[in-house]
Amino acid sequence: MVAVDKDGVMYANSEDGNLYAVDRNGRLVSNLFLKVAIGAAYTPLAIGGDGRIYTQNAGSLFVVGAR
């Protein structure tokens, strides 16, 4: 599952434990290692009204972004 922000940046979790951000041209904007997730279930992510990314990885909730 992916989420797209107001600027067209796509965010997606990966089984390698990273949260990836990819721009509308397919270029990697950034990635953030959350936690080893091999074998963990794929979980949805969402962009909150505050612009932060809310996601899960291996049973932990992560909130990514500035306040």
N, C-alpha and C. Protein backbone atom coordinates (compact mmCIF):
# COMPACT_ATOMS: atom_id res chain seq x y z
N MET A 1 0.84 -1.17 0.00
CA MET A 1 0.00 0.00 0.00
C MET A 1 0.89 1.24 0.00
N VAL A 2 0.44 2.27 -0.67
CA VAL A 2 1.20 3.52 -0.73
C VAL A 2 0.29 4.69 -0.34
N ALA A 3 0.93 5.81 -0.03
CA ALA A 3 0.20 7.06 0.21
C ALA A 3 0.92 8.14 -0.58
N VAL A 4 0.16 9.09 -1.08
CA VAL A 4 0.72 10.17 -1.90
C VAL A 4 0.38 11.50 -1.24
N ASP A 5 1.40 12.36 -1.05
CA ASP A 5 1.17 13.65 -0.41
C ASP A 5 0.74 14.71 -1.41
N LYS A 6 0.48 15.90 -0.93
CA LYS A 6 -0.02 17.00 -1.77
C LYS A 6 0.96 17.42 -2.86
N ASP A 7 2.25 17.08 -2.70
CA ASP A 7 3.26 17.41 -3.70
C ASP A 7 3.50 16.28 -4.69
N GLY A 8 2.76 15.19 -4.55
CA GLY A 8 2.90 14.05 -5.45
C GLY A 8 3.99 13.08 -5.05
N VAL A 9 4.53 13.22 -3.84
CA VAL A 9 5.53 12.27 -3.36
C VAL A 9 4.81 11.03 -2.84
N MET A 10 5.27 9.85 -3.31
CA MET A 10 4.68 8.59 -2.91
C MET A 10 5.51 7.99 -1.78
N TYR A 11 4.84 7.48 -0.76
CA TYR A 11 5.48 6.84 0.38
C TYR A 11 5.05 5.39 0.42
N ALA A 12 6.01 4.49 0.66
CA ALA A 12 5.70 3.07 0.70
C ALA A 12 6.63 2.34 1.66
N ASN A 13 6.10 1.35 2.36
CA ASN A 13 6.89 0.47 3.20
C ASN A 13 7.47 -0.63 2.33
N SER A 14 8.56 -1.22 2.79
CA SER A 14 9.16 -2.34 2.09
C SER A 14 9.54 -3.42 3.08
N GLU A 15 9.61 -4.65 2.61
CA GLU A 15 9.98 -5.76 3.47
C GLU A 15 11.42 -5.63 3.98
N ASP A 16 12.21 -4.75 3.38
CA ASP A 16 13.58 -4.55 3.87
C ASP A 16 13.63 -3.65 5.10
N GLY A 17 12.45 -3.23 5.59
CA GLY A 17 12.38 -2.43 6.81
C GLY A 17 12.44 -0.92 6.58
N ASN A 18 12.44 -0.49 5.34
CA ASN A 18 12.53 0.93 5.02
C ASN A 18 11.19 1.53 4.64
N LEU A 19 11.05 2.79 4.92
CA LEU A 19 9.96 3.62 4.39
C LEU A 19 10.60 4.43 3.28
N TYR A 20 10.09 4.31 2.06
CA TYR A 20 10.65 5.00 0.91
C TYR A 20 9.76 6.16 0.49
N ALA A 21 10.38 7.23 0.02
CA ALA A 21 9.68 8.37 -0.58
C ALA A 21 10.20 8.53 -2.00
N VAL A 22 9.28 8.52 -2.97
CA VAL A 22 9.63 8.60 -4.38
C VAL A 22 8.82 9.73 -5.02
N ASP A 23 9.51 10.61 -5.77
CA ASP A 23 8.79 11.73 -6.37
C ASP A 23 8.00 11.30 -7.61
N ARG A 24 7.23 12.21 -8.16
CA ARG A 24 6.34 11.88 -9.29
C ARG A 24 7.10 11.49 -10.55
N ASN A 25 8.42 11.73 -10.58
CA ASN A 25 9.24 11.33 -11.72
C ASN A 25 9.94 9.99 -11.48
N GLY A 26 9.63 9.35 -10.36
CA GLY A 26 10.20 8.05 -10.05
C GLY A 26 11.56 8.09 -9.38
N ARG A 27 12.00 9.28 -8.96
CA ARG A 27 13.30 9.41 -8.29
C ARG A 27 13.13 9.23 -6.79
N LEU A 28 14.08 8.51 -6.21
CA LEU A 28 14.09 8.33 -4.77
C LEU A 28 14.38 9.66 -4.09
N VAL A 29 13.47 10.10 -3.23
CA VAL A 29 13.63 11.34 -2.48
C VAL A 29 14.38 11.04 -1.18
N SER A 30 13.95 9.99 -0.50
CA SER A 30 14.61 9.59 0.74
C SER A 30 14.13 8.21 1.15
N ASN A 31 14.85 7.63 2.07
CA ASN A 31 14.38 6.41 2.71
C ASN A 31 14.81 6.46 4.17
N LEU A 32 14.01 5.81 4.99
CA LEU A 32 14.25 5.80 6.42
C LEU A 32 14.10 4.37 6.91
N PHE A 33 15.17 3.84 7.52
CA PHE A 33 15.08 2.49 8.08
C PHE A 33 14.28 2.56 9.37
N LEU A 34 13.22 1.74 9.42
CA LEU A 34 12.37 1.72 10.60
C LEU A 34 12.75 0.59 11.54
N LYS A 35 12.78 -0.62 11.00
CA LYS A 35 13.04 -1.80 11.82
C LYS A 35 13.06 -3.00 10.88
N VAL A 36 13.86 -4.00 11.19
CA VAL A 36 13.89 -5.20 10.36
C VAL A 36 12.48 -5.79 10.30
N ALA A 37 12.03 -6.09 9.09
CA ALA A 37 10.65 -6.53 8.94
C ALA A 37 10.50 -7.78 8.09
N ILE A 38 11.58 -8.48 7.82
CA ILE A 38 11.48 -9.67 6.98
C ILE A 38 10.54 -10.67 7.64
N GLY A 39 9.55 -11.08 6.87
CA GLY A 39 8.55 -12.01 7.38
C GLY A 39 7.38 -11.34 8.08
N ALA A 40 7.47 -10.04 8.32
CA ALA A 40 6.36 -9.31 8.95
C ALA A 40 5.28 -9.03 7.91
N ALA A 41 4.07 -8.89 8.39
CA ALA A 41 2.96 -8.59 7.47
C ALA A 41 3.12 -7.18 6.91
N TYR A 42 2.73 -7.01 5.66
CA TYR A 42 2.71 -5.66 5.09
C TYR A 42 1.56 -4.89 5.73
N THR A 43 1.84 -3.69 6.13
CA THR A 43 0.83 -2.90 6.81
C THR A 43 0.61 -1.59 6.06
N PRO A 44 -0.59 -1.05 6.15
CA PRO A 44 -0.88 0.20 5.48
C PRO A 44 -0.16 1.37 6.14
N LEU A 45 -0.09 2.45 5.41
CA LEU A 45 0.41 3.69 5.97
C LEU A 45 -0.54 4.78 5.55
N ALA A 46 -0.47 5.89 6.25
CA ALA A 46 -1.38 6.99 5.96
C ALA A 46 -0.67 8.31 6.21
N ILE A 47 -1.15 9.34 5.53
CA ILE A 47 -0.67 10.70 5.76
C ILE A 47 -1.76 11.41 6.53
N GLY A 48 -1.40 11.89 7.73
CA GLY A 48 -2.36 12.58 8.57
C GLY A 48 -2.58 14.01 8.11
N GLY A 49 -3.59 14.64 8.66
CA GLY A 49 -3.88 16.04 8.36
C GLY A 49 -2.73 16.96 8.73
N ASP A 50 -1.86 16.47 9.60
CA ASP A 50 -0.69 17.25 10.01
C ASP A 50 0.49 17.06 9.05
N GLY A 51 0.30 16.23 8.00
CA GLY A 51 1.34 16.01 7.00
C GLY A 51 2.34 14.93 7.37
N ARG A 52 2.19 14.35 8.57
CA ARG A 52 3.12 13.31 8.98
C ARG A 52 2.66 11.94 8.47
N ILE A 53 3.64 11.04 8.31
CA ILE A 53 3.36 9.69 7.86
C ILE A 53 3.16 8.81 9.10
N TYR A 54 2.09 8.04 9.10
CA TYR A 54 1.80 7.10 10.18
C TYR A 54 1.89 5.70 9.58
N THR A 55 2.78 4.88 10.13
CA THR A 55 2.98 3.54 9.57
C THR A 55 3.35 2.56 10.66
N GLN A 56 3.28 1.29 10.33
CA GLN A 56 3.67 0.23 11.26
C GLN A 56 4.76 -0.60 10.61
N ASN A 57 5.57 -1.21 11.47
CA ASN A 57 6.60 -2.12 11.00
C ASN A 57 6.90 -3.08 12.13
N ALA A 58 6.74 -4.38 11.87
CA ALA A 58 7.02 -5.43 12.84
C ALA A 58 6.34 -5.16 14.19
N GLY A 59 5.11 -4.66 14.14
CA GLY A 59 4.32 -4.46 15.36
C GLY A 59 4.54 -3.14 16.08
N SER A 60 5.38 -2.27 15.52
CA SER A 60 5.62 -0.96 16.14
C SER A 60 5.02 0.14 15.29
N LEU A 61 4.43 1.15 15.93
CA LEU A 61 3.88 2.30 15.22
C LEU A 61 4.96 3.37 15.10
N PHE A 62 5.12 3.93 13.91
CA PHE A 62 6.07 5.00 13.65
C PHE A 62 5.32 6.21 13.12
N VAL A 63 5.74 7.39 13.58
CA VAL A 63 5.21 8.64 13.07
C VAL A 63 6.43 9.39 12.53
N VAL A 64 6.38 9.71 11.23
CA VAL A 64 7.52 10.28 10.54
C VAL A 64 7.15 11.66 10.00
N GLY A 65 7.99 12.65 10.25
CA GLY A 65 7.78 13.98 9.72
C GLY A 65 7.85 15.04 10.80
N ALA A 66 7.92 16.27 10.35
CA ALA A 66 8.01 17.41 11.28
C ALA A 66 6.66 17.68 11.90
N ARG A 67 6.69 18.30 13.05
CA ARG A 67 5.45 18.67 13.72
C ARG A 67 4.78 19.81 13.03
